[in-house]
Amino acid sequence: MKNTFKVSLKANERIYINGAVLRVDRKTSIEFLNDVNFLLENHVLQAEDATTPLRQLYFVVQVILMAPQDAASTLELFRAQIASLLDAYANPLVLSALKTIDQMVHEKKYYEAMKSIRTLFPIDDDIVAMPGGAGSSAGEVAPGAAPLKKTATG
């Protein structure tokens, strides 16, 4: 048997386990004795908050985890998005992370992929916040931000 994993939940907190939504009525702990796909409520990104490319990728992986019955069609969307992001980013650290995330999703390690994507959110935030960020043609990059590749049309 693999290592067990214990999760502590507060009263009225939700947890998503293998596509099912559970809510506990009091503070409790759950111990998983085998492999399971789960997502804590505080890690759920609402659709309206998926406002940057990496948050959109996170949301897609989240849907795969939360709605396994729709995984096949959502995986197609993931593949299109990851290919687009790999083409758009020039930062070697981001590119390496995206390739690792792609492998994690391929191996059905969705939670790990989401965790890795969350570490990239500050880069997305820097790009959106900078002059010439999302929606601008200036193309300047804030210090430490991941520059986007220029395309023939952009």
C-alpha atoms as a PDB file:
ATOM      1  CA  MET A   1       0.000   0.000   0.000  1.00  0.00           C
ATOM      2  CA  LYS A   2       1.174   3.540  -0.759  1.00  0.00           C
ATOM      3  CA  ASN A   3       1.647   6.251   1.807  1.00  0.00           C
ATOM      4  CA  THR A   4      -1.516   7.616   3.358  1.00  0.00           C
ATOM      5  CA  PHE A   5      -2.449  11.276   3.160  1.00  0.00           C
ATOM      6  CA  LYS A   6      -4.422  13.203   5.757  1.00  0.00           C
ATOM      7  CA  VAL A   7      -6.460  16.340   5.021  1.00  0.00           C
ATOM      8  CA  SER A   8      -7.990  18.549   7.696  1.00  0.00           C
ATOM      9  CA  LEU A   9     -11.202  20.385   6.849  1.00  0.00           C
ATOM     10  CA  LYS A  10     -13.055  23.200   8.592  1.00  0.00           C
ATOM     11  CA  ALA A  11     -16.801  23.163   9.232  1.00  0.00           C
ATOM     12  CA  ASN A  12     -18.788  23.647   5.984  1.00  0.00           C
ATOM     13  CA  GLU A  13     -15.652  23.334   3.843  1.00  0.00           C
ATOM     14  CA  ARG A  14     -15.922  21.467   0.554  1.00  0.00           C
ATOM     15  CA  ILE A  15     -13.564  18.960  -0.956  1.00  0.00           C
ATOM     16  CA  TYR A  16     -13.756  17.542  -4.462  1.00  0.00           C
ATOM     17  CA  ILE A  17     -12.869  13.848  -4.586  1.00  0.00           C
ATOM     18  CA  ASN A  18     -12.758  11.938  -7.873  1.00  0.00           C
ATOM     19  CA  GLY A  19     -15.404  14.252  -9.343  1.00  0.00           C
ATOM     20  CA  ALA A  20     -17.718  14.175  -6.302  1.00  0.00           C
ATOM     21  CA  VAL A  21     -18.284  17.236  -4.117  1.00  0.00           C
ATOM     22  CA  LEU A  22     -18.404  16.654  -0.368  1.00  0.00           C
ATOM     23  CA  ARG A  23     -19.086  19.180   2.374  1.00  0.00           C
ATOM     24  CA  VAL A  24     -18.328  18.467   6.007  1.00  0.00           C
ATOM     25  CA  ASP A  25     -20.611  19.807   8.741  1.00  0.00           C
ATOM     26  CA  ARG A  26     -17.883  20.139  11.366  1.00  0.00           C
ATOM     27  CA  LYS A  27     -14.120  20.317  11.661  1.00  0.00           C
ATOM     28  CA  THR A  28     -12.783  16.947  10.628  1.00  0.00           C
ATOM     29  CA  SER A  29      -9.870  15.086   9.099  1.00  0.00           C
ATOM     30  CA  ILE A  30      -9.960  12.674   6.203  1.00  0.00           C
ATOM     31  CA  GLU A  31      -7.234  10.125   5.649  1.00  0.00           C
ATOM     32  CA  PHE A  32      -6.804   8.825   2.121  1.00  0.00           C
ATOM     33  CA  LEU A  33      -5.492   5.278   2.175  1.00  0.00           C
ATOM     34  CA  ASN A  34      -4.916   4.967  -1.560  1.00  0.00           C
ATOM     35  CA  ASP A  35      -4.391   7.148  -4.620  1.00  0.00           C
ATOM     36  CA  VAL A  36      -7.190   9.636  -5.154  1.00  0.00           C
ATOM     37  CA  ASN A  37      -7.736  12.814  -7.126  1.00  0.00           C
ATOM     38  CA  PHE A  38      -8.936  15.550  -4.814  1.00  0.00           C
ATOM     39  CA  LEU A  39      -9.098  19.302  -4.698  1.00  0.00           C
ATOM     40  CA  LEU A  40      -9.586  21.514  -1.670  1.00  0.00           C
ATOM     41  CA  GLU A  41     -12.160  24.275  -1.941  1.00  0.00           C
ATOM     42  CA  ASN A  42      -9.567  27.034  -1.483  1.00  0.00           C
ATOM     43  CA  HIS A  43      -7.694  25.785  -4.585  1.00  0.00           C
ATOM     44  CA  VAL A  44     -10.744  26.058  -6.839  1.00  0.00           C
ATOM     45  CA  LEU A  45     -10.452  28.858  -9.387  1.00  0.00           C
ATOM     46  CA  GLN A  46     -13.763  30.318 -10.526  1.00  0.00           C
ATOM     47  CA  ALA A  47     -14.233  30.735 -14.302  1.00  0.00           C
ATOM     48  CA  GLU A  48     -14.489  34.528 -13.997  1.00  0.00           C
ATOM     49  CA  ASP A  49     -11.067  34.577 -12.283  1.00  0.00           C
ATOM     50  CA  ALA A  50      -9.322  32.751 -15.148  1.00  0.00           C
ATOM     51  CA  THR A  51      -8.251  36.067 -16.680  1.00  0.00           C
ATOM     52  CA  THR A  52      -4.659  35.312 -17.715  1.00  0.00           C
ATOM     53  CA  PRO A  53      -3.212  32.577 -19.946  1.00  0.00           C
ATOM     54  CA  LEU A  54      -1.760  30.558 -17.070  1.00  0.00           C
ATOM     55  CA  ARG A  55      -4.906  30.901 -14.956  1.00  0.00           C
ATOM     56  CA  GLN A  56      -6.891  29.672 -17.962  1.00  0.00           C
ATOM     57  CA  LEU A  57      -4.581  26.655 -18.189  1.00  0.00           C
ATOM     58  CA  TYR A  58      -5.065  26.055 -14.446  1.00  0.00           C
ATOM     59  CA  PHE A  59      -8.833  26.223 -14.906  1.00  0.00           C
ATOM     60  CA  VAL A  60      -8.718  23.632 -17.706  1.00  0.00           C
ATOM     61  CA  VAL A  61      -6.685  21.205 -15.570  1.00  0.00           C
ATOM     62  CA  GLN A  62      -9.079  21.872 -12.684  1.00  0.00           C
ATOM     63  CA  VAL A  63     -12.032  20.888 -14.904  1.00  0.00           C
ATOM     64  CA  ILE A  64     -10.254  17.651 -15.831  1.00  0.00           C
ATOM     65  CA  LEU A  65      -9.844  16.893 -12.124  1.00  0.00           C
ATOM     66  CA  MET A  66     -13.354  17.926 -11.066  1.00  0.00           C
ATOM     67  CA  ALA A  67     -15.291  16.443 -13.993  1.00  0.00           C
ATOM     68  CA  PRO A  68     -13.485  13.233 -14.954  1.00  0.00           C
ATOM     69  CA  GLN A  69     -16.445  12.170 -17.103  1.00  0.00           C
ATOM     70  CA  ASP A  70     -15.568  15.058 -19.473  1.00  0.00           C
ATOM     71  CA  ALA A  71     -11.808  14.520 -19.354  1.00  0.00           C
ATOM     72  CA  ALA A  72     -11.399  13.459 -22.994  1.00  0.00           C
ATOM     73  CA  SER A  73     -12.813  16.656 -24.463  1.00  0.00           C
ATOM     74  CA  THR A  74     -11.151  18.838 -21.822  1.00  0.00           C
ATOM     75  CA  LEU A  75      -7.789  17.190 -22.521  1.00  0.00           C
ATOM     76  CA  GLU A  76      -8.104  18.337 -26.155  1.00  0.00           C
ATOM     77  CA  LEU A  77      -8.516  21.897 -24.910  1.00  0.00           C
ATOM     78  CA  PHE A  78      -5.526  21.441 -22.587  1.00  0.00           C
ATOM     79  CA  ARG A  79      -3.347  20.221 -25.465  1.00  0.00           C
ATOM     80  CA  ALA A  80      -4.296  23.236 -27.592  1.00  0.00           C
ATOM     81  CA  GLN A  81      -3.619  25.656 -24.735  1.00  0.00           C
ATOM     82  CA  ILE A  82      -0.290  24.149 -23.707  1.00  0.00           C
ATOM     83  CA  ALA A  83       0.900  24.206 -27.334  1.00  0.00           C
ATOM     84  CA  SER A  84      -0.107  27.859 -27.619  1.00  0.00           C
ATOM     85  CA  LEU A  85       1.665  28.772 -24.373  1.00  0.00           C
ATOM     86  CA  LEU A  86       4.822  26.899 -25.375  1.00  0.00           C
ATOM     87  CA  ASP A  87       4.832  28.927 -28.569  1.00  0.00           C
ATOM     88  CA  ALA A  88       4.104  32.242 -26.817  1.00  0.00           C
ATOM     89  CA  TYR A  89       6.574  32.269 -23.913  1.00  0.00           C
ATOM     90  CA  ALA A  90      10.306  32.858 -24.355  1.00  0.00           C
ATOM     91  CA  ASN A  91      11.364  32.576 -20.698  1.00  0.00           C
ATOM     92  CA  PRO A  92      13.303  29.278 -20.369  1.00  0.00           C
ATOM     93  CA  LEU A  93      12.070  28.716 -16.798  1.00  0.00           C
ATOM     94  CA  VAL A  94       8.439  29.068 -17.875  1.00  0.00           C
ATOM     95  CA  LEU A  95       8.985  26.836 -20.902  1.00  0.00           C
ATOM     96  CA  SER A  96      10.590  24.172 -18.728  1.00  0.00           C
ATOM     97  CA  ALA A  97       7.725  24.387 -16.218  1.00  0.00           C
ATOM     98  CA  LEU A  98       5.129  24.130 -18.997  1.00  0.00           C
ATOM     99  CA  LYS A  99       6.796  21.012 -20.393  1.00  0.00           C
ATOM    100  CA  THR A 100       6.815  19.460 -16.920  1.00  0.00           C
ATOM    101  CA  ILE A 101       3.145  20.397 -16.455  1.00  0.00           C
ATOM    102  CA  ASP A 102       2.313  18.805 -19.809  1.00  0.00           C
ATOM    103  CA  GLN A 103       4.018  15.588 -18.668  1.00  0.00           C
ATOM    104  CA  MET A 104       2.161  15.662 -15.334  1.00  0.00           C
ATOM    105  CA  VAL A 105      -1.193  15.954 -17.099  1.00  0.00           C
ATOM    106  CA  HIS A 106      -0.197  13.158 -19.472  1.00  0.00           C
ATOM    107  CA  GLU A 107       0.528  11.024 -16.373  1.00  0.00           C
ATOM    108  CA  LYS A 108      -2.824  12.086 -14.815  1.00  0.00           C
ATOM    109  CA  LYS A 109      -1.074  13.938 -11.994  1.00  0.00           C
ATOM    110  CA  TYR A 110      -3.582  16.767 -12.160  1.00  0.00           C
ATOM    111  CA  TYR A 111      -3.150  18.151  -8.659  1.00  0.00           C
ATOM    112  CA  GLU A 112       0.629  18.323  -9.091  1.00  0.00           C
ATOM    113  CA  ALA A 113       0.154  20.060 -12.444  1.00  0.00           C
ATOM    114  CA  MET A 114      -2.180  22.619 -10.860  1.00  0.00           C
ATOM    115  CA  LYS A 115       0.298  23.204  -8.052  1.00  0.00           C
ATOM    116  CA  SER A 116       3.046  23.856 -10.606  1.00  0.00           C
ATOM    117  CA  ILE A 117       0.842  26.208 -12.614  1.00  0.00           C
ATOM    118  CA  ARG A 118       0.044  28.210  -9.444  1.00  0.00           C
ATOM    119  CA  THR A 119       3.766  28.874  -8.978  1.00  0.00           C
ATOM    120  CA  LEU A 120       3.732  30.644 -12.373  1.00  0.00           C
ATOM    121  CA  PHE A 121       0.852  33.012 -11.516  1.00  0.00           C
ATOM    122  CA  PRO A 122       3.186  35.864 -10.415  1.00  0.00           C
ATOM    123  CA  ILE A 123       4.742  35.848 -13.892  1.00  0.00           C
ATOM    124  CA  ASP A 124       1.305  36.188 -15.471  1.00  0.00           C
ATOM    125  CA  ASP A 125       0.494  39.000 -13.043  1.00  0.00           C
ATOM    126  CA  ASP A 126       3.722  40.828 -13.933  1.00  0.00           C
ATOM    127  CA  ILE A 127       2.996  40.612 -17.662  1.00  0.00           C
ATOM    128  CA  VAL A 128      -0.577  41.844 -17.275  1.00  0.00           C
ATOM    129  CA  ALA A 129       0.432  44.686 -14.922  1.00  0.00           C
ATOM    130  CA  MET A 130       3.349  46.023 -16.948  1.00  0.00           C
ATOM    131  CA  PRO A 131       3.114  48.778 -19.546  1.00  0.00           C
ATOM    132  CA  GLY A 132       2.731  46.933 -22.797  1.00  0.00           C
ATOM    133  CA  GLY A 133       1.225  43.913 -21.016  1.00  0.00           C
ATOM    134  CA  ALA A 134      -1.885  42.049 -22.089  1.00  0.00           C
ATOM    135  CA  GLY A 135      -3.714  43.854 -24.830  1.00  0.00           C
ATOM    136  CA  SER A 136      -0.853  46.259 -25.597  1.00  0.00           C
ATOM    137  CA  SER A 137       1.440  46.299 -28.562  1.00  0.00           C
ATOM    138  CA  ALA A 138       4.413  47.851 -26.744  1.00  0.00           C
ATOM    139  CA  GLY A 139       5.784  44.423 -25.831  1.00  0.00           C
ATOM    140  CA  GLU A 140       7.942  45.631 -22.942  1.00  0.00           C
ATOM    141  CA  VAL A 141       8.713  43.130 -20.224  1.00  0.00           C
ATOM    142  CA  ALA A 142       8.829  43.943 -16.524  1.00  0.00           C
ATOM    143  CA  PRO A 143      12.026  42.941 -14.703  1.00  0.00           C
ATOM    144  CA  GLY A 144      11.842  39.268 -13.807  1.00  0.00           C
ATOM    145  CA  ALA A 145       8.749  38.691 -15.968  1.00  0.00           C
ATOM    146  CA  ALA A 146       8.643  36.092 -18.686  1.00  0.00           C
ATOM    147  CA  PRO A 147       8.853  37.803 -22.058  1.00  0.00           C
ATOM    148  CA  LEU A 148       6.442  36.663 -24.692  1.00  0.00           C
ATOM    149  CA  LYS A 149       7.797  35.681 -28.078  1.00  0.00           C
ATOM    150  CA  LYS A 150       7.008  38.056 -30.900  1.00  0.00           C
ATOM    151  CA  THR A 151       5.010  36.585 -33.755  1.00  0.00           C
ATOM    152  CA  ALA A 152       4.675  37.804 -37.307  1.00  0.00           C
ATOM    153  CA  THR A 153       1.264  39.225 -36.471  1.00  0.00           C
ATOM    154  CA  GLY A 154       2.071  40.477 -32.952  1.00  0.00           C
END
